[in-house]
PDB file of all heavy atoms in Angstrom:
ATOM      1  N   SER A   1     -19.419   8.473  16.380  1.00  0.00           N
ATOM      2  CA  SER A   1     -19.983   7.321  15.666  1.00  0.00           C
ATOM      3  C   SER A   1     -18.952   6.401  15.029  1.00  0.00           C
ATOM      4  O   SER A   1     -19.323   5.396  14.433  1.00  0.00           O
ATOM      5  CB  SER A   1     -20.969   7.816  14.598  1.00  0.00           C
ATOM      6  OG  SER A   1     -20.301   8.622  13.647  1.00  0.00           O
ATOM      7  N   HIS A   2     -17.677   6.705  15.162  1.00  0.00           N
ATOM      8  CA  HIS A   2     -16.665   5.784  14.627  1.00  0.00           C
ATOM      9  C   HIS A   2     -15.786   5.285  15.766  1.00  0.00           C
ATOM     10  O   HIS A   2     -15.913   5.727  16.896  1.00  0.00           O
ATOM     11  CB  HIS A   2     -15.843   6.433  13.511  1.00  0.00           C
ATOM     12  CG  HIS A   2     -15.042   7.624  13.942  1.00  0.00           C
ATOM     13  ND1 HIS A   2     -13.982   7.542  14.806  1.00  0.00           N
ATOM     14  CD2 HIS A   2     -15.164   8.931  13.636  1.00  0.00           C
ATOM     15  CE1 HIS A   2     -13.471   8.729  15.009  1.00  0.00           C
ATOM     16  NE2 HIS A   2     -14.182   9.605  14.309  1.00  0.00           N
ATOM     17  N   HIS A   3     -14.901   4.370  15.451  1.00  0.00           N
ATOM     18  CA  HIS A   3     -14.041   3.765  16.466  1.00  0.00           C
ATOM     19  C   HIS A   3     -12.580   4.099  16.223  1.00  0.00           C
ATOM     20  O   HIS A   3     -11.733   3.223  16.166  1.00  0.00           O
ATOM     21  CB  HIS A   3     -14.272   2.254  16.521  1.00  0.00           C
ATOM     22  CG  HIS A   3     -15.669   1.903  16.893  1.00  0.00           C
ATOM     23  ND1 HIS A   3     -16.170   2.070  18.167  1.00  0.00           N
ATOM     24  CD2 HIS A   3     -16.703   1.449  16.156  1.00  0.00           C
ATOM     25  CE1 HIS A   3     -17.436   1.710  18.193  1.00  0.00           C
ATOM     26  NE2 HIS A   3     -17.795   1.333  16.985  1.00  0.00           N
ATOM     27  N   GLY A   4     -12.303   5.396  16.072  1.00  0.00           N
ATOM     28  CA  GLY A   4     -10.932   5.848  15.939  1.00  0.00           C
ATOM     29  C   GLY A   4     -10.555   6.277  14.542  1.00  0.00           C
ATOM     30  O   GLY A   4      -9.692   7.127  14.368  1.00  0.00           O
ATOM     31  N   ILE A   5     -11.172   5.665  13.546  1.00  0.00           N
ATOM     32  CA  ILE A   5     -10.899   6.015  12.153  1.00  0.00           C
ATOM     33  C   ILE A   5     -12.226   6.212  11.441  1.00  0.00           C
ATOM     34  O   ILE A   5     -13.104   5.365  11.524  1.00  0.00           O
ATOM     35  CB  ILE A   5     -10.080   4.917  11.446  1.00  0.00           C
ATOM     36  CG1 ILE A   5      -8.736   4.736  12.148  1.00  0.00           C
ATOM     37  CG2 ILE A   5      -9.870   5.254   9.976  1.00  0.00           C
ATOM     38  CD1 ILE A   5      -7.956   3.533  11.706  1.00  0.00           C
ATOM     39  N   ASP A   6     -12.361   7.319  10.772  1.00  0.00           N
ATOM     40  CA  ASP A   6     -13.548   7.601   9.976  1.00  0.00           C
ATOM     41  C   ASP A   6     -13.226   7.165   8.545  1.00  0.00           C
ATOM     42  O   ASP A   6     -12.652   7.917   7.768  1.00  0.00           O
ATOM     43  CB  ASP A   6     -13.891   9.091  10.044  1.00  0.00           C
ATOM     44  CG  ASP A   6     -15.189   9.441   9.350  1.00  0.00           C
ATOM     45  OD1 ASP A   6     -15.651   8.653   8.500  1.00  0.00           O
ATOM     46  OD2 ASP A   6     -15.735  10.527   9.647  1.00  0.00           O
ATOM     47  N   TRP A   7     -13.553   5.916   8.245  1.00  0.00           N
ATOM     48  CA  TRP A   7     -13.179   5.339   6.954  1.00  0.00           C
ATOM     49  C   TRP A   7     -13.766   6.130   5.788  1.00  0.00           C
ATOM     50  O   TRP A   7     -13.118   6.294   4.754  1.00  0.00           O
ATOM     51  CB  TRP A   7     -13.593   3.869   6.883  1.00  0.00           C
ATOM     52  CG  TRP A   7     -12.868   3.043   7.900  1.00  0.00           C
ATOM     53  CD1 TRP A   7     -13.367   2.528   9.059  1.00  0.00           C
ATOM     54  CD2 TRP A   7     -11.482   2.665   7.877  1.00  0.00           C
ATOM     55  NE1 TRP A   7     -12.393   1.859   9.755  1.00  0.00           N
ATOM     56  CE2 TRP A   7     -11.224   1.920   9.050  1.00  0.00           C
ATOM     57  CE3 TRP A   7     -10.435   2.890   6.983  1.00  0.00           C
ATOM     58  CZ2 TRP A   7      -9.964   1.394   9.337  1.00  0.00           C
ATOM     59  CZ3 TRP A   7      -9.178   2.363   7.280  1.00  0.00           C
ATOM     60  CH2 TRP A   7      -8.954   1.626   8.438  1.00  0.00           C
ATOM     61  N   GLN A   8     -14.978   6.632   5.948  1.00  0.00           N
ATOM     62  CA  GLN A   8     -15.614   7.421   4.893  1.00  0.00           C
ATOM     63  C   GLN A   8     -14.822   8.699   4.623  1.00  0.00           C
ATOM     64  O   GLN A   8     -14.536   9.039   3.478  1.00  0.00           O
ATOM     65  CB  GLN A   8     -17.050   7.755   5.285  1.00  0.00           C
ATOM     66  CG  GLN A   8     -17.775   8.617   4.267  1.00  0.00           C
ATOM     67  CD  GLN A   8     -19.178   8.988   4.733  1.00  0.00           C
ATOM     68  OE1 GLN A   8     -19.750   8.370   5.608  1.00  0.00           O
ATOM     69  NE2 GLN A   8     -19.733  10.027   4.129  1.00  0.00           N
ATOM     70  N   GLU A   9     -14.438   9.401   5.667  1.00  0.00           N
ATOM     71  CA  GLU A   9     -13.669  10.637   5.514  1.00  0.00           C
ATOM     72  C   GLU A   9     -12.280  10.348   4.939  1.00  0.00           C
ATOM     73  O   GLU A   9     -11.778  11.103   4.108  1.00  0.00           O
ATOM     74  CB  GLU A   9     -13.550  11.346   6.863  1.00  0.00           C
ATOM     75  CG  GLU A   9     -12.967  12.725   6.788  1.00  0.00           C
ATOM     76  CD  GLU A   9     -13.779  13.715   5.978  1.00  0.00           C
ATOM     77  OE1 GLU A   9     -15.015  13.584   5.897  1.00  0.00           O
ATOM     78  OE2 GLU A   9     -13.165  14.635   5.407  1.00  0.00           O
ATOM     79  N   LEU A  10     -11.690   9.249   5.352  1.00  0.00           N
ATOM     80  CA  LEU A  10     -10.387   8.857   4.820  1.00  0.00           C
ATOM     81  C   LEU A  10     -10.472   8.576   3.320  1.00  0.00           C
ATOM     82  O   LEU A  10      -9.633   9.031   2.542  1.00  0.00           O
ATOM     83  CB  LEU A  10      -9.859   7.636   5.578  1.00  0.00           C
ATOM     84  CG  LEU A  10      -8.432   7.203   5.304  1.00  0.00           C
ATOM     85  CD1 LEU A  10      -7.437   8.317   5.603  1.00  0.00           C
ATOM     86  CD2 LEU A  10      -8.106   5.966   6.122  1.00  0.00           C
ATOM     87  N   ARG A  11     -11.529   7.849   2.910  1.00  0.00           N
ATOM     88  CA  ARG A  11     -11.739   7.595   1.470  1.00  0.00           C
ATOM     89  C   ARG A  11     -11.950   8.894   0.703  1.00  0.00           C
ATOM     90  O   ARG A  11     -11.416   9.080  -0.387  1.00  0.00           O
ATOM     91  CB  ARG A  11     -12.936   6.664   1.266  1.00  0.00           C
ATOM     92  CG  ARG A  11     -12.591   5.192   1.321  1.00  0.00           C
ATOM     93  CD  ARG A  11     -13.752   4.327   0.855  1.00  0.00           C
ATOM     94  NE  ARG A  11     -14.923   4.418   1.715  1.00  0.00           N
ATOM     95  CZ  ARG A  11     -15.080   3.755   2.859  1.00  0.00           C
ATOM     96  NH1 ARG A  11     -14.155   2.938   3.275  1.00  0.00           N
ATOM     97  NH2 ARG A  11     -16.182   3.895   3.563  1.00  0.00           N
ATOM     98  N   ASN A  12     -12.741   9.806   1.268  1.00  0.00           N
ATOM     99  CA  ASN A  12     -12.977  11.100   0.621  1.00  0.00           C
ATOM    100  C   ASN A  12     -11.672  11.869   0.439  1.00  0.00           C
ATOM    101  O   ASN A  12     -11.437  12.467  -0.613  1.00  0.00           O
ATOM    102  CB  ASN A  12     -13.962  11.948   1.420  1.00  0.00           C
ATOM    103  CG  ASN A  12     -15.371  11.404   1.392  1.00  0.00           C
ATOM    104  OD1 ASN A  12     -15.718  10.572   0.559  1.00  0.00           O
ATOM    105  ND2 ASN A  12     -16.184  11.857   2.325  1.00  0.00           N
ATOM    106  N   ALA A  13     -10.822  11.869   1.464  1.00  0.00           N
ATOM    107  CA  ALA A  13      -9.540  12.581   1.373  1.00  0.00           C
ATOM    108  C   ALA A  13      -8.656  11.968   0.292  1.00  0.00           C
ATOM    109  O   ALA A  13      -8.010  12.684  -0.478  1.00  0.00           O
ATOM    110  CB  ALA A  13      -8.835  12.557   2.730  1.00  0.00           C
ATOM    111  N   ILE A  14      -8.647  10.637   0.199  1.00  0.00           N
ATOM    112  CA  ILE A  14      -7.849   9.949  -0.824  1.00  0.00           C
ATOM    113  C   ILE A  14      -8.398  10.255  -2.216  1.00  0.00           C
ATOM    114  O   ILE A  14      -7.642  10.564  -3.136  1.00  0.00           O
ATOM    115  CB  ILE A  14      -7.806   8.433  -0.559  1.00  0.00           C
ATOM    116  CG1 ILE A  14      -6.985   8.161   0.700  1.00  0.00           C
ATOM    117  CG2 ILE A  14      -7.241   7.677  -1.757  1.00  0.00           C
ATOM    118  CD1 ILE A  14      -7.112   6.746   1.232  1.00  0.00           C
ATOM    119  N   ASP A  15      -9.726  10.183  -2.361  1.00  0.00           N
ATOM    120  CA  ASP A  15     -10.348  10.480  -3.662  1.00  0.00           C
ATOM    121  C   ASP A  15     -10.053  11.911  -4.108  1.00  0.00           C
ATOM    122  O   ASP A  15      -9.738  12.145  -5.272  1.00  0.00           O
ATOM    123  CB  ASP A  15     -11.864  10.265  -3.610  1.00  0.00           C
ATOM    124  CG  ASP A  15     -12.242   8.798  -3.508  1.00  0.00           C
ATOM    125  OD1 ASP A  15     -11.370   7.930  -3.750  1.00  0.00           O
ATOM    126  OD2 ASP A  15     -13.408   8.521  -3.167  1.00  0.00           O
ATOM    127  N   GLU A  16     -10.168  12.855  -3.195  1.00  0.00           N
ATOM    128  CA  GLU A  16      -9.900  14.251  -3.536  1.00  0.00           C
ATOM    129  C   GLU A  16      -8.442  14.458  -3.894  1.00  0.00           C
ATOM    130  O   GLU A  16      -8.118  15.236  -4.789  1.00  0.00           O
ATOM    131  CB  GLU A  16     -10.307  15.169  -2.392  1.00  0.00           C
ATOM    132  CG  GLU A  16     -11.803  15.335  -2.280  1.00  0.00           C
ATOM    133  CD  GLU A  16     -12.203  16.278  -1.167  1.00  0.00           C
ATOM    134  OE1 GLU A  16     -11.382  17.140  -0.771  1.00  0.00           O
ATOM    135  OE2 GLU A  16     -13.342  16.162  -0.681  1.00  0.00           O
ATOM    136  N   ALA A  17      -7.535  13.760  -3.199  1.00  0.00           N
ATOM    137  CA  ALA A  17      -6.112  13.887  -3.511  1.00  0.00           C
ATOM    138  C   ALA A  17      -5.841  13.365  -4.914  1.00  0.00           C
ATOM    139  O   ALA A  17      -5.051  13.947  -5.656  1.00  0.00           O
ATOM    140  CB  ALA A  17      -5.277  13.129  -2.484  1.00  0.00           C
ATOM    141  N   ASP A  18      -6.501  12.276  -5.311  1.00  0.00           N
ATOM    142  CA  ASP A  18      -6.330  11.741  -6.659  1.00  0.00           C
ATOM    143  C   ASP A  18      -6.825  12.726  -7.707  1.00  0.00           C
ATOM    144  O   ASP A  18      -6.189  12.922  -8.730  1.00  0.00           O
ATOM    145  CB  ASP A  18      -7.093  10.419  -6.818  1.00  0.00           C
ATOM    146  CG  ASP A  18      -6.418   9.274  -6.080  1.00  0.00           C
ATOM    147  OD1 ASP A  18      -5.244   9.434  -5.687  1.00  0.00           O
ATOM    148  OD2 ASP A  18      -7.068   8.232  -5.897  1.00  0.00           O
ATOM    149  N   GLU A  19      -7.968  13.341  -7.430  1.00  0.00           N
ATOM    150  CA  GLU A  19      -8.580  14.254  -8.397  1.00  0.00           C
ATOM    151  C   GLU A  19      -7.868  15.599  -8.482  1.00  0.00           C
ATOM    152  O   GLU A  19      -7.709  16.156  -9.550  1.00  0.00           O
ATOM    153  CB  GLU A  19     -10.050  14.493  -8.029  1.00  0.00           C
ATOM    154  CG  GLU A  19     -10.918  13.263  -8.194  1.00  0.00           C
ATOM    155  CD  GLU A  19     -12.316  13.463  -7.626  1.00  0.00           C
ATOM    156  OE1 GLU A  19     -12.682  14.613  -7.329  1.00  0.00           O
ATOM    157  OE2 GLU A  19     -13.025  12.464  -7.460  1.00  0.00           O
ATOM    158  N   LEU A  20      -7.442  16.111  -7.347  1.00  0.00           N
ATOM    159  CA  LEU A  20      -6.893  17.461  -7.316  1.00  0.00           C
ATOM    160  C   LEU A  20      -5.369  17.496  -7.282  1.00  0.00           C
ATOM    161  O   LEU A  20      -4.772  18.541  -7.474  1.00  0.00           O
ATOM    162  CB  LEU A  20      -7.435  18.224  -6.098  1.00  0.00           C
ATOM    163  CG  LEU A  20      -8.959  18.345  -6.012  1.00  0.00           C
ATOM    164  CD1 LEU A  20      -9.358  18.993  -4.699  1.00  0.00           C
ATOM    165  CD2 LEU A  20      -9.487  19.156  -7.178  1.00  0.00           C
ATOM    166  N   GLY A  21      -4.762  16.365  -6.973  1.00  0.00           N
ATOM    167  CA  GLY A  21      -3.314  16.329  -6.889  1.00  0.00           C
ATOM    168  C   GLY A  21      -2.756  16.880  -5.582  1.00  0.00           C
ATOM    169  O   GLY A  21      -1.559  16.949  -5.403  1.00  0.00           O
ATOM    170  N   THR A  22      -3.633  17.281  -4.668  1.00  0.00           N
ATOM    171  CA  THR A  22      -3.190  17.759  -3.362  1.00  0.00           C
ATOM    172  C   THR A  22      -3.949  17.006  -2.286  1.00  0.00           C
ATOM    173  O   THR A  22      -5.096  16.616  -2.476  1.00  0.00           O
ATOM    174  CB  THR A  22      -3.447  19.264  -3.185  1.00  0.00           C
ATOM    175  OG1 THR A  22      -4.847  19.506  -3.330  1.00  0.00           O
ATOM    176  CG2 THR A  22      -2.684  20.083  -4.200  1.00  0.00           C
ATOM    177  N   ALA A  23      -3.303  16.801  -1.176  1.00  0.00           N
ATOM    178  CA  ALA A  23      -3.928  16.064  -0.077  1.00  0.00           C
ATOM    179  C   ALA A  23      -4.505  17.036   0.944  1.00  0.00           C
ATOM    180  O   ALA A  23      -3.948  18.093   1.200  1.00  0.00           O
ATOM    181  CB  ALA A  23      -2.899  15.156   0.587  1.00  0.00           C
ATOM    182  N   ARG A  24      -5.626  16.659   1.519  1.00  0.00           N
ATOM    183  CA  ARG A  24      -6.194  17.423   2.628  1.00  0.00           C
ATOM    184  C   ARG A  24      -6.306  16.477   3.809  1.00  0.00           C
ATOM    185  O   ARG A  24      -6.230  15.273   3.670  1.00  0.00           O
ATOM    186  CB  ARG A  24      -7.573  17.969   2.267  1.00  0.00           C
ATOM    187  CG  ARG A  24      -8.636  16.892   2.137  1.00  0.00           C
ATOM    188  CD  ARG A  24     -10.022  17.528   2.164  1.00  0.00           C
ATOM    189  NE  ARG A  24     -11.046  16.543   1.943  1.00  0.00           N
ATOM    190  CZ  ARG A  24     -11.622  15.820   2.895  1.00  0.00           C
ATOM    191  NH1 ARG A  24     -11.250  15.971   4.142  1.00  0.00           N
ATOM    192  NH2 ARG A  24     -12.561  14.934   2.617  1.00  0.00           N
ATOM    193  N   GLY A  25      -6.495  17.030   4.974  1.00  0.00           N
ATOM    194  CA  GLY A  25      -6.595  16.206   6.168  1.00  0.00           C
ATOM    195  C   GLY A  25      -7.892  15.421   6.198  1.00  0.00           C
ATOM    196  O   GLY A  25      -8.923  15.900   5.771  1.00  0.00           O
ATOM    197  N   GLY A  26      -7.824  14.217   6.676  1.00  0.00           N
ATOM    198  CA  GLY A  26      -9.002  13.404   6.886  1.00  0.00           C
ATOM    199  C   GLY A  26      -8.883  12.679   8.212  1.00  0.00           C
ATOM    200  O   GLY A  26      -9.527  11.675   8.441  1.00  0.00           O
ATOM    201  N   SER A  27      -8.027  13.202   9.076  1.00  0.00           N
ATOM    202  CA  SER A  27      -7.727  12.533  10.336  1.00  0.00           C
ATOM    203  C   SER A  27      -8.792  12.788  11.390  1.00  0.00           C
ATOM    204  O   SER A  27      -9.314  13.894  11.505  1.00  0.00           O
ATOM    205  CB  SER A  27      -6.379  13.006  10.883  1.00  0.00           C
ATOM    206  OG  SER A  27      -5.336  12.639  10.035  1.00  0.00           O
ATOM    207  N   THR A  28      -9.037  11.765  12.174  1.00  0.00           N
ATOM    208  CA  THR A  28      -9.962  11.869  13.304  1.00  0.00           C
ATOM    209  C   THR A  28      -9.216  12.417  14.517  1.00  0.00           C
ATOM    210  O   THR A  28      -7.988  12.542  14.515  1.00  0.00           O
ATOM    211  CB  THR A  28     -10.529  10.490  13.657  1.00  0.00           C
ATOM    212  OG1 THR A  28      -9.446   9.651  14.086  1.00  0.00           O
ATOM    213  CG2 THR A  28     -11.258   9.866  12.487  1.00  0.00           C
ATOM    214  N   ILE A  29      -9.966  12.696  15.562  1.00  0.00           N
ATOM    215  CA  ILE A  29      -9.355  13.137  16.812  1.00  0.00           C
ATOM    216  C   ILE A  29      -8.440  12.049  17.352  1.00  0.00           C
ATOM    217  O   ILE A  29      -7.344  12.337  17.834  1.00  0.00           O
ATOM    218  CB  ILE A  29     -10.444  13.560  17.818  1.00  0.00           C
ATOM    219  CG1 ILE A  29     -11.020  14.905  17.361  1.00  0.00           C
ATOM    220  CG2 ILE A  29      -9.893  13.636  19.234  1.00  0.00           C
ATOM    221  CD1 ILE A  29     -12.202  15.394  18.143  1.00  0.00           C
ATOM    222  N   ALA A  30      -8.842  10.788  17.244  1.00  0.00           N
ATOM    223  CA  ALA A  30      -7.988   9.692  17.714  1.00  0.00           C
ATOM    224  C   ALA A  30      -6.687   9.639  16.909  1.00  0.00           C
ATOM    225  O   ALA A  30      -5.604   9.434  17.477  1.00  0.00           O
ATOM    226  CB  ALA A  30      -8.726   8.359  17.615  1.00  0.00           C
ATOM    227  N   GLN A  31      -6.763   9.825  15.601  1.00  0.00           N
ATOM    228  CA  GLN A  31      -5.565   9.824  14.767  1.00  0.00           C
ATOM    229  C   GLN A  31      -4.653  10.997  15.122  1.00  0.00           C
ATOM    230  O   GLN A  31      -3.432  10.836  15.203  1.00  0.00           O
ATOM    231  CB  GLN A  31      -5.936   9.889  13.291  1.00  0.00           C
ATOM    232  CG  GLN A  31      -6.529   8.600  12.755  1.00  0.00           C
ATOM    233  CD  GLN A  31      -6.993   8.780  11.331  1.00  0.00           C
ATOM    234  OE1 GLN A  31      -8.154   9.077  11.095  1.00  0.00           O
ATOM    235  NE2 GLN A  31      -6.087   8.624  10.386  1.00  0.00           N
ATOM    236  N   GLN A  32      -5.234  12.169  15.307  1.00  0.00           N
ATOM    237  CA  GLN A  32      -4.430  13.336  15.646  1.00  0.00           C
ATOM    238  C   GLN A  32      -3.793  13.181  17.025  1.00  0.00           C
ATOM    239  O   GLN A  32      -2.649  13.582  17.243  1.00  0.00           O
ATOM    240  CB  GLN A  32      -5.285  14.600  15.578  1.00  0.00           C
ATOM    241  CG  GLN A  32      -5.695  14.934  14.157  1.00  0.00           C
ATOM    242  CD  GLN A  32      -6.620  16.113  14.097  1.00  0.00           C
ATOM    243  OE1 GLN A  32      -6.289  17.185  14.594  1.00  0.00           O
ATOM    244  NE2 GLN A  32      -7.777  15.928  13.503  1.00  0.00           N
ATOM    245  N   THR A  33      -4.528  12.568  17.949  1.00  0.00           N
ATOM    246  CA  THR A  33      -3.982  12.319  19.279  1.00  0.00           C
ATOM    247  C   THR A  33      -2.828  11.328  19.187  1.00  0.00           C
ATOM    248  O   THR A  33      -1.777  11.533  19.808  1.00  0.00           O
ATOM    249  CB  THR A  33      -5.079  11.804  20.233  1.00  0.00           C
ATOM    250  OG1 THR A  33      -6.127  12.777  20.286  1.00  0.00           O
ATOM    251  CG2 THR A  33      -4.543  11.571  21.630  1.00  0.00           C
ATOM    252  N   ALA A  34      -3.001  10.266  18.416  1.00  0.00           N
ATOM    253  CA  ALA A  34      -1.926   9.286  18.222  1.00  0.00           C
ATOM    254  C   ALA A  34      -0.688   9.959  17.646  1.00  0.00           C
ATOM    255  O   ALA A  34       0.435   9.745  18.117  1.00  0.00           O
ATOM    256  CB  ALA A  34      -2.406   8.152  17.314  1.00  0.00           C
ATOM    257  N   LYS A  35      -0.889  10.782  16.629  1.00  0.00           N
ATOM    258  CA  LYS A  35       0.236  11.499  16.008  1.00  0.00           C
ATOM    259  C   LYS A  35       0.923  12.392  17.024  1.00  0.00           C
ATOM    260  O   LYS A  35       2.145  12.362  17.165  1.00  0.00           O
ATOM    261  CB  LYS A  35      -0.243  12.328  14.821  1.00  0.00           C
ATOM    262  CG  LYS A  35       0.884  13.144  14.175  1.00  0.00           C
ATOM    263  CD  LYS A  35       0.377  14.196  13.230  1.00  0.00           C
ATOM    264  CE  LYS A  35      -0.270  15.292  14.020  1.00  0.00           C
ATOM    265  NZ  LYS A  35      -0.561  16.505  13.314  1.00  0.00           N
ATOM    266  N   ASN A  36       0.146  13.187  17.750  1.00  0.00           N
ATOM    267  CA  ASN A  36       0.729  14.148  18.684  1.00  0.00           C
ATOM    268  C   ASN A  36       1.420  13.480  19.872  1.00  0.00           C
ATOM    269  O   ASN A  36       2.403  14.003  20.385  1.00  0.00           O
ATOM    270  CB  ASN A  36      -0.344  15.118  19.191  1.00  0.00           C
ATOM    271  CG  ASN A  36      -0.813  16.066  18.116  1.00  0.00           C
ATOM    272  OD1 ASN A  36      -0.149  16.282  17.111  1.00  0.00           O
ATOM    273  ND2 ASN A  36      -1.996  16.633  18.310  1.00  0.00           N
ATOM    274  N   LEU A  37       0.902  12.320  20.305  1.00  0.00           N
ATOM    275  CA  LEU A  37       1.493  11.636  21.453  1.00  0.00           C
ATOM    276  C   LEU A  37       2.690  10.766  21.078  1.00  0.00           C
ATOM    277  O   LEU A  37       3.670  10.710  21.821  1.00  0.00           O
ATOM    278  CB  LEU A  37       0.449  10.731  22.126  1.00  0.00           C
ATOM    279  CG  LEU A  37      -0.504  11.362  23.113  1.00  0.00           C
ATOM    280  CD1 LEU A  37      -1.525  10.343  23.590  1.00  0.00           C
ATOM    281  CD2 LEU A  37       0.245  11.947  24.303  1.00  0.00           C
ATOM    282  N   PHE A  38       2.590  10.051  19.955  1.00  0.00           N
ATOM    283  CA  PHE A  38       3.555   8.990  19.686  1.00  0.00           C
ATOM    284  C   PHE A  38       4.401   9.176  18.432  1.00  0.00           C
ATOM    285  O   PHE A  38       5.418   8.499  18.288  1.00  0.00           O
ATOM    286  CB  PHE A  38       2.816   7.649  19.543  1.00  0.00           C
ATOM    287  CG  PHE A  38       1.983   7.285  20.731  1.00  0.00           C
ATOM    288  CD1 PHE A  38       0.609   7.158  20.608  1.00  0.00           C
ATOM    289  CD2 PHE A  38       2.557   7.072  21.972  1.00  0.00           C
ATOM    290  CE1 PHE A  38      -0.176   6.810  21.698  1.00  0.00           C
ATOM    291  CE2 PHE A  38       1.788   6.729  23.069  1.00  0.00           C
ATOM    292  CZ  PHE A  38       0.418   6.601  22.938  1.00  0.00           C
ATOM    293  N   LEU A  39       3.978  10.035  17.514  1.00  0.00           N
ATOM    294  CA  LEU A  39       4.634  10.100  16.213  1.00  0.00           C
ATOM    295  C   LEU A  39       5.225  11.477  15.959  1.00  0.00           C
ATOM    296  O   LEU A  39       5.464  12.243  16.873  1.00  0.00           O
ATOM    297  CB  LEU A  39       3.647   9.672  15.115  1.00  0.00           C
ATOM    298  CG  LEU A  39       3.057   8.267  15.319  1.00  0.00           C
ATOM    299  CD1 LEU A  39       1.940   8.001  14.324  1.00  0.00           C
ATOM    300  CD2 LEU A  39       4.120   7.203  15.236  1.00  0.00           C
ATOM    301  N   TRP A  40       5.477  11.812  14.748  1.00  0.00           N
ATOM    302  CA  TRP A  40       6.137  13.059  14.380  1.00  0.00           C
ATOM    303  C   TRP A  40       5.206  13.906  13.515  1.00  0.00           C
ATOM    304  O   TRP A  40       4.300  13.396  12.886  1.00  0.00           O
ATOM    305  CB  TRP A  40       7.443  12.756  13.641  1.00  0.00           C
ATOM    306  CG  TRP A  40       7.259  11.942  12.394  1.00  0.00           C
ATOM    307  CD1 TRP A  40       7.078  12.418  11.122  1.00  0.00           C
ATOM    308  CD2 TRP A  40       7.213  10.516  12.277  1.00  0.00           C
ATOM    309  NE1 TRP A  40       6.929  11.380  10.233  1.00  0.00           N
ATOM    310  CE2 TRP A  40       7.007  10.192  10.915  1.00  0.00           C
ATOM    311  CE3 TRP A  40       7.323   9.470  13.191  1.00  0.00           C
ATOM    312  CZ2 TRP A  40       6.908   8.887  10.444  1.00  0.00           C
ATOM    313  CZ3 TRP A  40       7.225   8.171  12.720  1.00  0.00           C
ATOM    314  CH2 TRP A  40       7.024   7.901  11.363  1.00  0.00           C
ATOM    315  N   PRO A  41       5.458  15.214  13.460  1.00  0.00           N
ATOM    316  CA  PRO A  41       4.642  16.076  12.599  1.00  0.00           C
ATOM    317  C   PRO A  41       5.006  15.858  11.133  1.00  0.00           C
ATOM    318  O   PRO A  41       5.978  15.187  10.810  1.00  0.00           O
ATOM    319  CB  PRO A  41       5.001  17.490  13.058  1.00  0.00           C
ATOM    320  CG  PRO A  41       6.330  17.356  13.702  1.00  0.00           C
ATOM    321  CD  PRO A  41       6.431  15.959  14.231  1.00  0.00           C
ATOM    322  N   GLY A  42       4.238  16.455  10.279  1.00  0.00           N
ATOM    323  CA  GLY A  42       4.479  16.324   8.847  1.00  0.00           C
ATOM    324  C   GLY A  42       3.637  15.207   8.263  1.00  0.00           C
ATOM    325  O   GLY A  42       2.982  14.459   8.988  1.00  0.00           O
TER     326      GLY A  42
END
């Protein structure tokens, strides 16, 4: 139902990171594929 980025999930991950001080993943399959194909881990 999204077009590469799940903006709602991304906002939730950012909000939780602000509240808890730790980040969790909010990446979509398209984002993970982009990272794995073109970018670096971490």
